[in-house]
Amino acid sequence: MKSIEEVSAALFDSATGRNGRDPSVSAQIFFLKNKGKEAGNPWADVQQVENNINLSDIISSANARIIDHKPDTLAHDAPALDIKQINKAKNS
């Protein structure tokens, strides 16, 4: 984008003093932290996180936990609830 190029050039000019003023330390720091990302600059303010995930291992592990899980009572083995008994207990 043209506007980004113009601002980047103005920032560089401010950082180096090409704008007719003394070089700006703040502009230098900002430039090095942000434009330096592209050049692999050690001044760059970059955080890089790398994750390697093997989805096959995750699914296998999850399946093993599901298969090995033996609940005490399954829902279909639970006794049926009698709504009359529940209401009677509430009113007592």
PDB file of N, CA and C in Angstrom:
ATOM      1  N   MET A   1       0.838  -1.176   0.000  1.00  0.00           N
ATOM      2  CA  MET A   1       0.000   0.000   0.000  1.00  0.00           C
ATOM      3  C   MET A   1       0.885   1.241   0.000  1.00  0.00           C
ATOM      4  N   LYS A   2       0.421   2.206  -0.746  1.00  0.00           N
ATOM      5  CA  LYS A   2       1.203   3.432  -0.880  1.00  0.00           C
ATOM      6  C   LYS A   2       1.344   4.167   0.445  1.00  0.00           C
ATOM      7  N   SER A   3       0.260   4.212   1.230  1.00  0.00           N
ATOM      8  CA  SER A   3       0.307   4.950   2.501  1.00  0.00           C
ATOM      9  C   SER A   3       1.305   4.318   3.471  1.00  0.00           C
ATOM     10  N   ILE A   4       1.359   2.997   3.514  1.00  0.00           N
ATOM     11  CA  ILE A   4       2.311   2.311   4.400  1.00  0.00           C
ATOM     12  C   ILE A   4       3.738   2.606   3.955  1.00  0.00           C
ATOM     13  N   GLU A   5       3.965   2.601   2.644  1.00  0.00           N
ATOM     14  CA  GLU A   5       5.298   2.914   2.127  1.00  0.00           C
ATOM     15  C   GLU A   5       5.709   4.338   2.489  1.00  0.00           C
ATOM     16  N   GLU A   6       4.765   5.270   2.387  1.00  0.00           N
ATOM     17  CA  GLU A   6       5.067   6.671   2.707  1.00  0.00           C
ATOM     18  C   GLU A   6       5.394   6.849   4.188  1.00  0.00           C
ATOM     19  N   VAL A   7       4.592   6.226   5.045  1.00  0.00           N
ATOM     20  CA  VAL A   7       4.838   6.341   6.486  1.00  0.00           C
ATOM     21  C   VAL A   7       6.145   5.650   6.852  1.00  0.00           C
ATOM     22  N   SER A   8       6.399   4.505   6.252  1.00  0.00           N
ATOM     23  CA  SER A   8       7.649   3.790   6.509  1.00  0.00           C
ATOM     24  C   SER A   8       8.845   4.643   6.094  1.00  0.00           C
ATOM     25  N   ALA A   9       8.750   5.297   4.932  1.00  0.00           N
ATOM     26  CA  ALA A   9       9.836   6.160   4.467  1.00  0.00           C
ATOM     27  C   ALA A   9      10.017   7.355   5.411  1.00  0.00           C
ATOM     28  N   ALA A  10       8.904   7.941   5.871  1.00  0.00           N
ATOM     29  CA  ALA A  10       8.990   9.073   6.801  1.00  0.00           C
ATOM     30  C   ALA A  10       9.609   8.641   8.127  1.00  0.00           C
ATOM     31  N   LEU A  11       9.244   7.452   8.591  1.00  0.00           N
ATOM     32  CA  LEU A  11       9.826   6.928   9.830  1.00  0.00           C
ATOM     33  C   LEU A  11      11.329   6.724   9.662  1.00  0.00           C
ATOM     34  N   PHE A  12      11.734   6.158   8.516  1.00  0.00           N
ATOM     35  CA  PHE A  12      13.154   5.951   8.245  1.00  0.00           C
ATOM     36  C   PHE A  12      13.884   7.293   8.201  1.00  0.00           C
ATOM     37  N   ASP A  13      13.272   8.268   7.529  1.00  0.00           N
ATOM     38  CA  ASP A  13      13.894   9.600   7.455  1.00  0.00           C
ATOM     39  C   ASP A  13      14.048  10.216   8.843  1.00  0.00           C
ATOM     40  N   SER A  14      13.051  10.044   9.699  1.00  0.00           N
ATOM     41  CA  SER A  14      13.120  10.569  11.064  1.00  0.00           C
ATOM     42  C   SER A  14      14.191   9.837  11.873  1.00  0.00           C
ATOM     43  N   ALA A  15      14.272   8.534  11.673  1.00  0.00           N
ATOM     44  CA  ALA A  15      15.249   7.733  12.417  1.00  0.00           C
ATOM     45  C   ALA A  15      16.678   8.065  12.021  1.00  0.00           C
ATOM     46  N   THR A  16      16.894   8.378  10.741  1.00  0.00           N
ATOM     47  CA  THR A  16      18.254   8.621  10.250  1.00  0.00           C
ATOM     48  C   THR A  16      18.633  10.094  10.188  1.00  0.00           C
ATOM     49  N   GLY A  17      17.648  10.979  10.370  1.00  0.00           N
ATOM     50  CA  GLY A  17      17.940  12.408  10.291  1.00  0.00           C
ATOM     51  C   GLY A  17      17.857  12.942   8.872  1.00  0.00           C
ATOM     52  N   ARG A  18      17.377  12.178   7.948  1.00  0.00           N
ATOM     53  CA  ARG A  18      17.259  12.629   6.552  1.00  0.00           C
ATOM     54  C   ARG A  18      16.162  13.679   6.381  1.00  0.00           C
ATOM     55  N   ASN A  19      15.393  13.911   7.411  1.00  0.00           N
ATOM     56  CA  ASN A  19      14.310  14.897   7.328  1.00  0.00           C
ATOM     57  C   ASN A  19      14.811  16.297   7.704  1.00  0.00           C
ATOM     58  N   GLY A  20      16.125  16.463   7.874  1.00  0.00           N
ATOM     59  CA  GLY A  20      16.690  17.772   8.194  1.00  0.00           C
ATOM     60  C   GLY A  20      16.787  18.037   9.684  1.00  0.00           C
ATOM     61  N   ARG A  21      16.361  17.101  10.498  1.00  0.00           N
ATOM     62  CA  ARG A  21      16.443  17.247  11.951  1.00  0.00           C
ATOM     63  C   ARG A  21      17.430  16.221  12.495  1.00  0.00           C
ATOM     64  N   ASP A  22      17.697  16.325  13.800  1.00  0.00           N
ATOM     65  CA  ASP A  22      18.542  15.311  14.429  1.00  0.00           C
ATOM     66  C   ASP A  22      17.831  13.966  14.371  1.00  0.00           C
ATOM     67  N   PRO A  23      18.595  12.885  14.242  1.00  0.00           N
ATOM     68  CA  PRO A  23      17.965  11.559  14.233  1.00  0.00           C
ATOM     69  C   PRO A  23      17.170  11.320  15.521  1.00  0.00           C
ATOM     70  N   SER A  24      16.010  10.727  15.384  1.00  0.00           N
ATOM     71  CA  SER A  24      15.129  10.463  16.516  1.00  0.00           C
ATOM     72  C   SER A  24      15.397   9.062  17.063  1.00  0.00           C
ATOM     73  N   VAL A  25      15.806   9.007  18.329  1.00  0.00           N
ATOM     74  CA  VAL A  25      16.067   7.709  18.961  1.00  0.00           C
ATOM     75  C   VAL A  25      14.779   6.883  19.033  1.00  0.00           C
ATOM     76  N   SER A  26      13.666   7.525  19.334  1.00  0.00           N
ATOM     77  CA  SER A  26      12.393   6.800  19.392  1.00  0.00           C
ATOM     78  C   SER A  26      12.059   6.191  18.036  1.00  0.00           C
ATOM     79  N   ALA A  27      12.264   6.944  16.972  1.00  0.00           N
ATOM     80  CA  ALA A  27      12.007   6.430  15.626  1.00  0.00           C
ATOM     81  C   ALA A  27      12.959   5.289  15.299  1.00  0.00           C
ATOM     82  N   GLN A  28      14.205   5.382  15.753  1.00  0.00           N
ATOM     83  CA  GLN A  28      15.175   4.308  15.503  1.00  0.00           C
ATOM     84  C   GLN A  28      14.727   3.016  16.187  1.00  0.00           C
ATOM     85  N   ILE A  29      14.330   3.132  17.450  1.00  0.00           N
ATOM     86  CA  ILE A  29      13.887   1.955  18.206  1.00  0.00           C
ATOM     87  C   ILE A  29      12.655   1.343  17.546  1.00  0.00           C
ATOM     88  N   PHE A  30      11.673   2.194  17.225  1.00  0.00           N
ATOM     89  CA  PHE A  30      10.452   1.698  16.603  1.00  0.00           C
ATOM     90  C   PHE A  30      10.759   1.009  15.276  1.00  0.00           C
ATOM     91  N   PHE A  31      11.618   1.635  14.479  1.00  0.00           N
ATOM     92  CA  PHE A  31      11.977   1.077  13.183  1.00  0.00           C
ATOM     93  C   PHE A  31      12.653  -0.281  13.339  1.00  0.00           C
ATOM     94  N   LEU A  32      13.622  -0.357  14.248  1.00  0.00           N
ATOM     95  CA  LEU A  32      14.350  -1.613  14.429  1.00  0.00           C
ATOM     96  C   LEU A  32      13.451  -2.731  14.951  1.00  0.00           C
ATOM     97  N   LYS A  33      12.537  -2.400  15.856  1.00  0.00           N
ATOM     98  CA  LYS A  33      11.657  -3.422  16.418  1.00  0.00           C
ATOM     99  C   LYS A  33      10.610  -3.914  15.422  1.00  0.00           C
ATOM    100  N   ASN A  34      10.202  -3.059  14.503  1.00  0.00           N
ATOM    101  CA  ASN A  34       9.113  -3.428  13.606  1.00  0.00           C
ATOM    102  C   ASN A  34       9.567  -3.784  12.196  1.00  0.00           C
ATOM    103  N   LYS A  35      10.397  -2.985  11.591  1.00  0.00           N
ATOM    104  CA  LYS A  35      10.872  -3.305  10.243  1.00  0.00           C
ATOM    105  C   LYS A  35      11.924  -4.404  10.282  1.00  0.00           C
ATOM    106  N   GLY A  36      12.592  -4.536  11.401  1.00  0.00           N
ATOM    107  CA  GLY A  36      13.634  -5.546  11.522  1.00  0.00           C
ATOM    108  C   GLY A  36      13.121  -6.969  11.454  1.00  0.00           C
ATOM    109  N   LYS A  37      11.814  -7.163  11.643  1.00  0.00           N
ATOM    110  CA  LYS A  37      11.232  -8.500  11.586  1.00  0.00           C
ATOM    111  C   LYS A  37      11.478  -9.140  10.231  1.00  0.00           C
ATOM    112  N   GLU A  38      11.405  -8.325   9.200  1.00  0.00           N
ATOM    113  CA  GLU A  38      11.536  -8.839   7.847  1.00  0.00           C
ATOM    114  C   GLU A  38      12.962  -9.290   7.546  1.00  0.00           C
ATOM    115  N   ALA A  39      13.934  -8.656   8.143  1.00  0.00           N
ATOM    116  CA  ALA A  39      15.329  -8.943   7.828  1.00  0.00           C
ATOM    117  C   ALA A  39      15.979  -9.901   8.823  1.00  0.00           C
ATOM    118  N   GLY A  40      15.214 -10.429   9.765  1.00  0.00           N
ATOM    119  CA  GLY A  40      15.798 -11.307  10.775  1.00  0.00           C
ATOM    120  C   GLY A  40      16.655 -10.532  11.766  1.00  0.00           C
ATOM    121  N   ASN A  41      16.366  -9.275  11.944  1.00  0.00           N
ATOM    122  CA  ASN A  41      17.122  -8.381  12.814  1.00  0.00           C
ATOM    123  C   ASN A  41      17.003  -8.831  14.269  1.00  0.00           C
ATOM    124  N   PRO A  42      18.111  -8.932  14.998  1.00  0.00           N
ATOM    125  CA  PRO A  42      18.038  -9.330  16.409  1.00  0.00           C
ATOM    126  C   PRO A  42      17.325  -8.300  17.283  1.00  0.00           C
ATOM    127  N   TRP A  43      17.137  -7.085  16.786  1.00  0.00           N
ATOM    128  CA  TRP A  43      16.428  -6.054  17.544  1.00  0.00           C
ATOM    129  C   TRP A  43      14.914  -6.221  17.428  1.00  0.00           C
ATOM    130  N   ALA A  44      14.495  -7.044  16.504  1.00  0.00           N
ATOM    131  CA  ALA A  44      13.060  -7.184  16.245  1.00  0.00           C
ATOM    132  C   ALA A  44      12.321  -7.654  17.491  1.00  0.00           C
ATOM    133  N   ASP A  45      11.182  -7.055  17.719  1.00  0.00           N
ATOM    134  CA  ASP A  45      10.341  -7.399  18.861  1.00  0.00           C
ATOM    135  C   ASP A  45       9.337  -8.458  18.384  1.00  0.00           C
ATOM    136  N   VAL A  46       9.804  -9.692  18.317  1.00  0.00           N
ATOM    137  CA  VAL A  46       9.008 -10.779  17.744  1.00  0.00           C
ATOM    138  C   VAL A  46       8.914 -11.921  18.741  1.00  0.00           C
ATOM    139  N   GLN A  47       7.730 -12.484  18.826  1.00  0.00           N
ATOM    140  CA  GLN A  47       7.546 -13.701  19.602  1.00  0.00           C
ATOM    141  C   GLN A  47       7.090 -14.769  18.635  1.00  0.00           C
ATOM    142  N   GLN A  48       7.822 -15.847  18.583  1.00  0.00           N
ATOM    143  CA  GLN A  48       7.470 -16.919  17.660  1.00  0.00           C
ATOM    144  C   GLN A  48       7.178 -18.172  18.466  1.00  0.00           C
ATOM    145  N   VAL A  49       6.019 -18.739  18.236  1.00  0.00           N
ATOM    146  CA  VAL A  49       5.599 -19.959  18.916  1.00  0.00           C
ATOM    147  C   VAL A  49       5.414 -21.032  17.854  1.00  0.00           C
ATOM    148  N   GLU A  50       6.017 -22.152  18.082  1.00  0.00           N
ATOM    149  CA  GLU A  50       5.904 -23.243  17.122  1.00  0.00           C
ATOM    150  C   GLU A  50       5.351 -24.462  17.832  1.00  0.00           C
ATOM    151  N   ASN A  51       4.301 -25.019  17.268  1.00  0.00           N
ATOM    152  CA  ASN A  51       3.676 -26.213  17.826  1.00  0.00           C
ATOM    153  C   ASN A  51       3.653 -27.301  16.777  1.00  0.00           C
ATOM    154  N   ASN A  52       4.024 -28.483  17.182  1.00  0.00           N
ATOM    155  CA  ASN A  52       3.917 -29.649  16.313  1.00  0.00           C
ATOM    156  C   ASN A  52       2.949 -30.612  16.970  1.00  0.00           C
ATOM    157  N   ILE A  53       1.829 -30.837  16.302  1.00  0.00           N
ATOM    158  CA  ILE A  53       0.788 -31.683  16.865  1.00  0.00           C
ATOM    159  C   ILE A  53       0.536 -32.847  15.923  1.00  0.00           C
ATOM    160  N   ASN A  54       0.541 -34.035  16.496  1.00  0.00           N
ATOM    161  CA  ASN A  54       0.228 -35.223  15.712  1.00  0.00           C
ATOM    162  C   ASN A  54      -1.201 -35.610  16.056  1.00  0.00           C
ATOM    163  N   LEU A  55      -2.123 -35.276  15.182  1.00  0.00           N
ATOM    164  CA  LEU A  55      -3.536 -35.502  15.436  1.00  0.00           C
ATOM    165  C   LEU A  55      -3.849 -36.984  15.583  1.00  0.00           C
ATOM    166  N   SER A  56      -3.145 -37.803  14.870  1.00  0.00           N
ATOM    167  CA  SER A  56      -3.363 -39.252  14.962  1.00  0.00           C
ATOM    168  C   SER A  56      -3.083 -39.758  16.378  1.00  0.00           C
ATOM    169  N   ASP A  57      -1.996 -39.285  16.987  1.00  0.00           N
ATOM    170  CA  ASP A  57      -1.674 -39.685  18.365  1.00  0.00           C
ATOM    171  C   ASP A  57      -2.724 -39.184  19.354  1.00  0.00           C
ATOM    172  N   ILE A  58      -3.200 -37.974  19.144  1.00  0.00           N
ATOM    173  CA  ILE A  58      -4.206 -37.410  20.040  1.00  0.00           C
ATOM    174  C   ILE A  58      -5.496 -38.218  19.967  1.00  0.00           C
ATOM    175  N   ILE A  59      -5.930 -38.556  18.755  1.00  0.00           N
ATOM    176  CA  ILE A  59      -7.162 -39.328  18.588  1.00  0.00           C
ATOM    177  C   ILE A  59      -7.001 -40.735  19.167  1.00  0.00           C
ATOM    178  N   SER A  60      -5.860 -41.364  18.927  1.00  0.00           N
ATOM    179  CA  SER A  60      -5.619 -42.702  19.473  1.00  0.00           C
ATOM    180  C   SER A  60      -5.644 -42.686  20.996  1.00  0.00           C
ATOM    181  N   SER A  61      -5.023 -41.680  21.586  1.00  0.00           N
ATOM    182  CA  SER A  61      -5.001 -41.556  23.036  1.00  0.00           C
ATOM    183  C   SER A  61      -6.409 -41.342  23.585  1.00  0.00           C
ATOM    184  N   ALA A  62      -7.179 -40.493  22.928  1.00  0.00           N
ATOM    185  CA  ALA A  62      -8.551 -40.233  23.374  1.00  0.00           C
ATOM    186  C   ALA A  62      -9.399 -41.492  23.257  1.00  0.00           C
ATOM    187  N   ASN A  63      -9.260 -42.199  22.154  1.00  0.00           N
ATOM    188  CA  ASN A  63     -10.017 -43.441  21.970  1.00  0.00           C
ATOM    189  C   ASN A  63      -9.657 -44.468  23.039  1.00  0.00           C
ATOM    190  N   ALA A  64      -8.396 -44.559  23.381  1.00  0.00           N
ATOM    191  CA  ALA A  64      -7.972 -45.520  24.403  1.00  0.00           C
ATOM    192  C   ALA A  64      -8.594 -45.172  25.750  1.00  0.00           C
ATOM    193  N   ARG A  65      -8.660 -43.888  26.068  1.00  0.00           N
ATOM    194  CA  ARG A  65      -9.276 -43.479  27.334  1.00  0.00           C
ATOM    195  C   ARG A  65     -10.769 -43.773  27.345  1.00  0.00           C
ATOM    196  N   ILE A  66     -11.423 -43.585  26.224  1.00  0.00           N
ATOM    197  CA  ILE A  66     -12.859 -43.859  26.141  1.00  0.00           C
ATOM    198  C   ILE A  66     -13.123 -45.352  26.276  1.00  0.00           C
ATOM    199  N   ILE A  67     -12.351 -46.155  25.576  1.00  0.00           N
ATOM    200  CA  ILE A  67     -12.541 -47.609  25.594  1.00  0.00           C
ATOM    201  C   ILE A  67     -12.222 -48.181  26.972  1.00  0.00           C
ATOM    202  N   ASP A  68     -11.186 -47.668  27.626  1.00  0.00           N
ATOM    203  CA  ASP A  68     -10.779 -48.178  28.934  1.00  0.00           C
ATOM    204  C   ASP A  68     -11.688 -47.714  30.063  1.00  0.00           C
ATOM    205  N   HIS A  69     -12.468 -46.677  29.847  1.00  0.00           N
ATOM    206  CA  HIS A  69     -13.318 -46.121  30.903  1.00  0.00           C
ATOM    207  C   HIS A  69     -14.493 -47.051  31.181  1.00  0.00           C
ATOM    208  N   LYS A  70     -14.640 -47.439  32.436  1.00  0.00           N
ATOM    209  CA  LYS A  70     -15.720 -48.322  32.844  1.00  0.00           C
ATOM    210  C   LYS A  70     -16.517 -47.603  33.946  1.00  0.00           C
ATOM    211  N   PRO A  71     -17.551 -46.872  33.552  1.00  0.00           N
ATOM    212  CA  PRO A  71     -18.330 -46.164  34.573  1.00  0.00           C
ATOM    213  C   PRO A  71     -19.049 -47.149  35.488  1.00  0.00           C
ATOM    214  N   ASP A  72     -19.312 -46.692  36.712  1.00  0.00           N
ATOM    215  CA  ASP A  72     -20.002 -47.534  37.694  1.00  0.00           C
ATOM    216  C   ASP A  72     -21.411 -47.886  37.243  1.00  0.00           C
ATOM    217  N   THR A  73     -22.115 -46.906  36.747  1.00  0.00           N
ATOM    218  CA  THR A  73     -23.497 -47.120  36.320  1.00  0.00           C
ATOM    219  C   THR A  73     -23.723 -46.408  35.006  1.00  0.00           C
ATOM    220  N   LEU A  74     -24.240 -47.109  34.055  1.00  0.00           N
ATOM    221  CA  LEU A  74     -24.587 -46.497  32.790  1.00  0.00           C
ATOM    222  C   LEU A  74     -25.981 -45.894  32.903  1.00  0.00           C
ATOM    223  N   ALA A  75     -26.251 -44.889  32.126  1.00  0.00           N
ATOM    224  CA  ALA A  75     -27.540 -44.198  32.195  1.00  0.00           C
ATOM    225  C   ALA A  75     -28.700 -45.153  31.934  1.00  0.00           C
ATOM    226  N   HIS A  76     -28.542 -46.091  30.987  1.00  0.00           N
ATOM    227  CA  HIS A  76     -29.657 -46.987  30.675  1.00  0.00           C
ATOM    228  C   HIS A  76     -29.853 -48.055  31.756  1.00  0.00           C
ATOM    229  N   ASP A  77     -28.885 -48.222  32.680  1.00  0.00           N
ATOM    230  CA  ASP A  77     -29.022 -49.175  33.785  1.00  0.00           C
ATOM    231  C   ASP A  77     -29.588 -48.515  35.050  1.00  0.00           C
ATOM    232  N   ALA A  78     -29.696 -47.205  35.046  1.00  0.00           N
ATOM    233  CA  ALA A  78     -30.167 -46.494  36.235  1.00  0.00           C
ATOM    234  C   ALA A  78     -31.661 -46.750  36.429  1.00  0.00           C
ATOM    235  N   PRO A  79     -32.107 -46.783  37.682  1.00  0.00           N
ATOM    236  CA  PRO A  79     -33.540 -46.998  37.917  1.00  0.00           C
ATOM    237  C   PRO A  79     -34.353 -45.816  37.395  1.00  0.00           C
ATOM    238  N   ALA A  80     -35.557 -46.112  36.940  1.00  0.00           N
ATOM    239  CA  ALA A  80     -36.438 -45.064  36.441  1.00  0.00           C
ATOM    240  C   ALA A  80     -36.897 -44.185  37.597  1.00  0.00           C
ATOM    241  N   LEU A  81     -37.048 -42.917  37.327  1.00  0.00           N
ATOM    242  CA  LEU A  81     -37.499 -41.986  38.352  1.00  0.00           C
ATOM    243  C   LEU A  81     -39.029 -41.906  38.308  1.00  0.00           C
ATOM    244  N   ASP A  82     -39.610 -41.894  39.470  1.00  0.00           N
ATOM    245  CA  ASP A  82     -41.066 -41.777  39.581  1.00  0.00           C
ATOM    246  C   ASP A  82     -41.373 -40.341  39.972  1.00  0.00           C
ATOM    247  N   ILE A  83     -41.997 -39.605  39.056  1.00  0.00           N
ATOM    248  CA  ILE A  83     -42.263 -38.195  39.285  1.00  0.00           C
ATOM    249  C   ILE A  83     -43.170 -37.978  40.497  1.00  0.00           C
ATOM    250  N   LYS A  84     -44.062 -38.901  40.776  1.00  0.00           N
ATOM    251  CA  LYS A  84     -44.941 -38.776  41.940  1.00  0.00           C
ATOM    252  C   LYS A  84     -44.132 -38.842  43.229  1.00  0.00           C
ATOM    253  N   GLN A  85     -43.142 -39.721  43.281  1.00  0.00           N
ATOM    254  CA  GLN A  85     -42.295 -39.834  44.472  1.00  0.00           C
ATOM    255  C   GLN A  85     -41.434 -38.568  44.650  1.00  0.00           C
ATOM    256  N   ILE A  86     -40.974 -38.033  43.534  1.00  0.00           N
ATOM    257  CA  ILE A  86     -40.156 -36.801  43.598  1.00  0.00           C
ATOM    258  C   ILE A  86     -40.989 -35.656  44.137  1.00  0.00           C
ATOM    259  N   ASN A  87     -42.193 -35.479  43.612  1.00  0.00           N
ATOM    260  CA  ASN A  87     -43.076 -34.396  44.073  1.00  0.00           C
ATOM    261  C   ASN A  87     -43.470 -34.584  45.532  1.00  0.00           C
ATOM    262  N   LYS A  88     -43.701 -35.834  45.929  1.00  0.00           N
ATOM    263  CA  LYS A  88     -44.073 -36.129  47.316  1.00  0.00           C
ATOM    264  C   LYS A  88     -42.920 -35.754  48.245  1.00  0.00           C
ATOM    265  N   ALA A  89     -41.685 -36.070  47.830  1.00  0.00           N
ATOM    266  CA  ALA A  89     -40.512 -35.754  48.640  1.00  0.00           C
ATOM    267  C   ALA A  89     -40.313 -34.239  48.745  1.00  0.00           C
ATOM    268  N   LYS A  90     -40.595 -33.513  47.695  1.00  0.00           N
ATOM    269  CA  LYS A  90     -40.457 -32.058  47.706  1.00  0.00           C
ATOM    270  C   LYS A  90     -41.458 -31.424  48.689  1.00  0.00           C
ATOM    271  N   ASN A  91     -42.646 -31.937  48.698  1.00  0.00           N
ATOM    272  CA  ASN A  91     -43.705 -31.360  49.532  1.00  0.00           C
ATOM    273  C   ASN A  91     -43.602 -31.778  50.997  1.00  0.00           C
ATOM    274  N   SER A  92     -42.778 -32.729  51.297  1.00  0.00           N
ATOM    275  CA  SER A  92     -42.648 -33.219  52.685  1.00  0.00           C
ATOM    276  C   SER A  92     -41.809 -32.293  53.509  1.00  0.00           C
TER     277      SER A  92
END
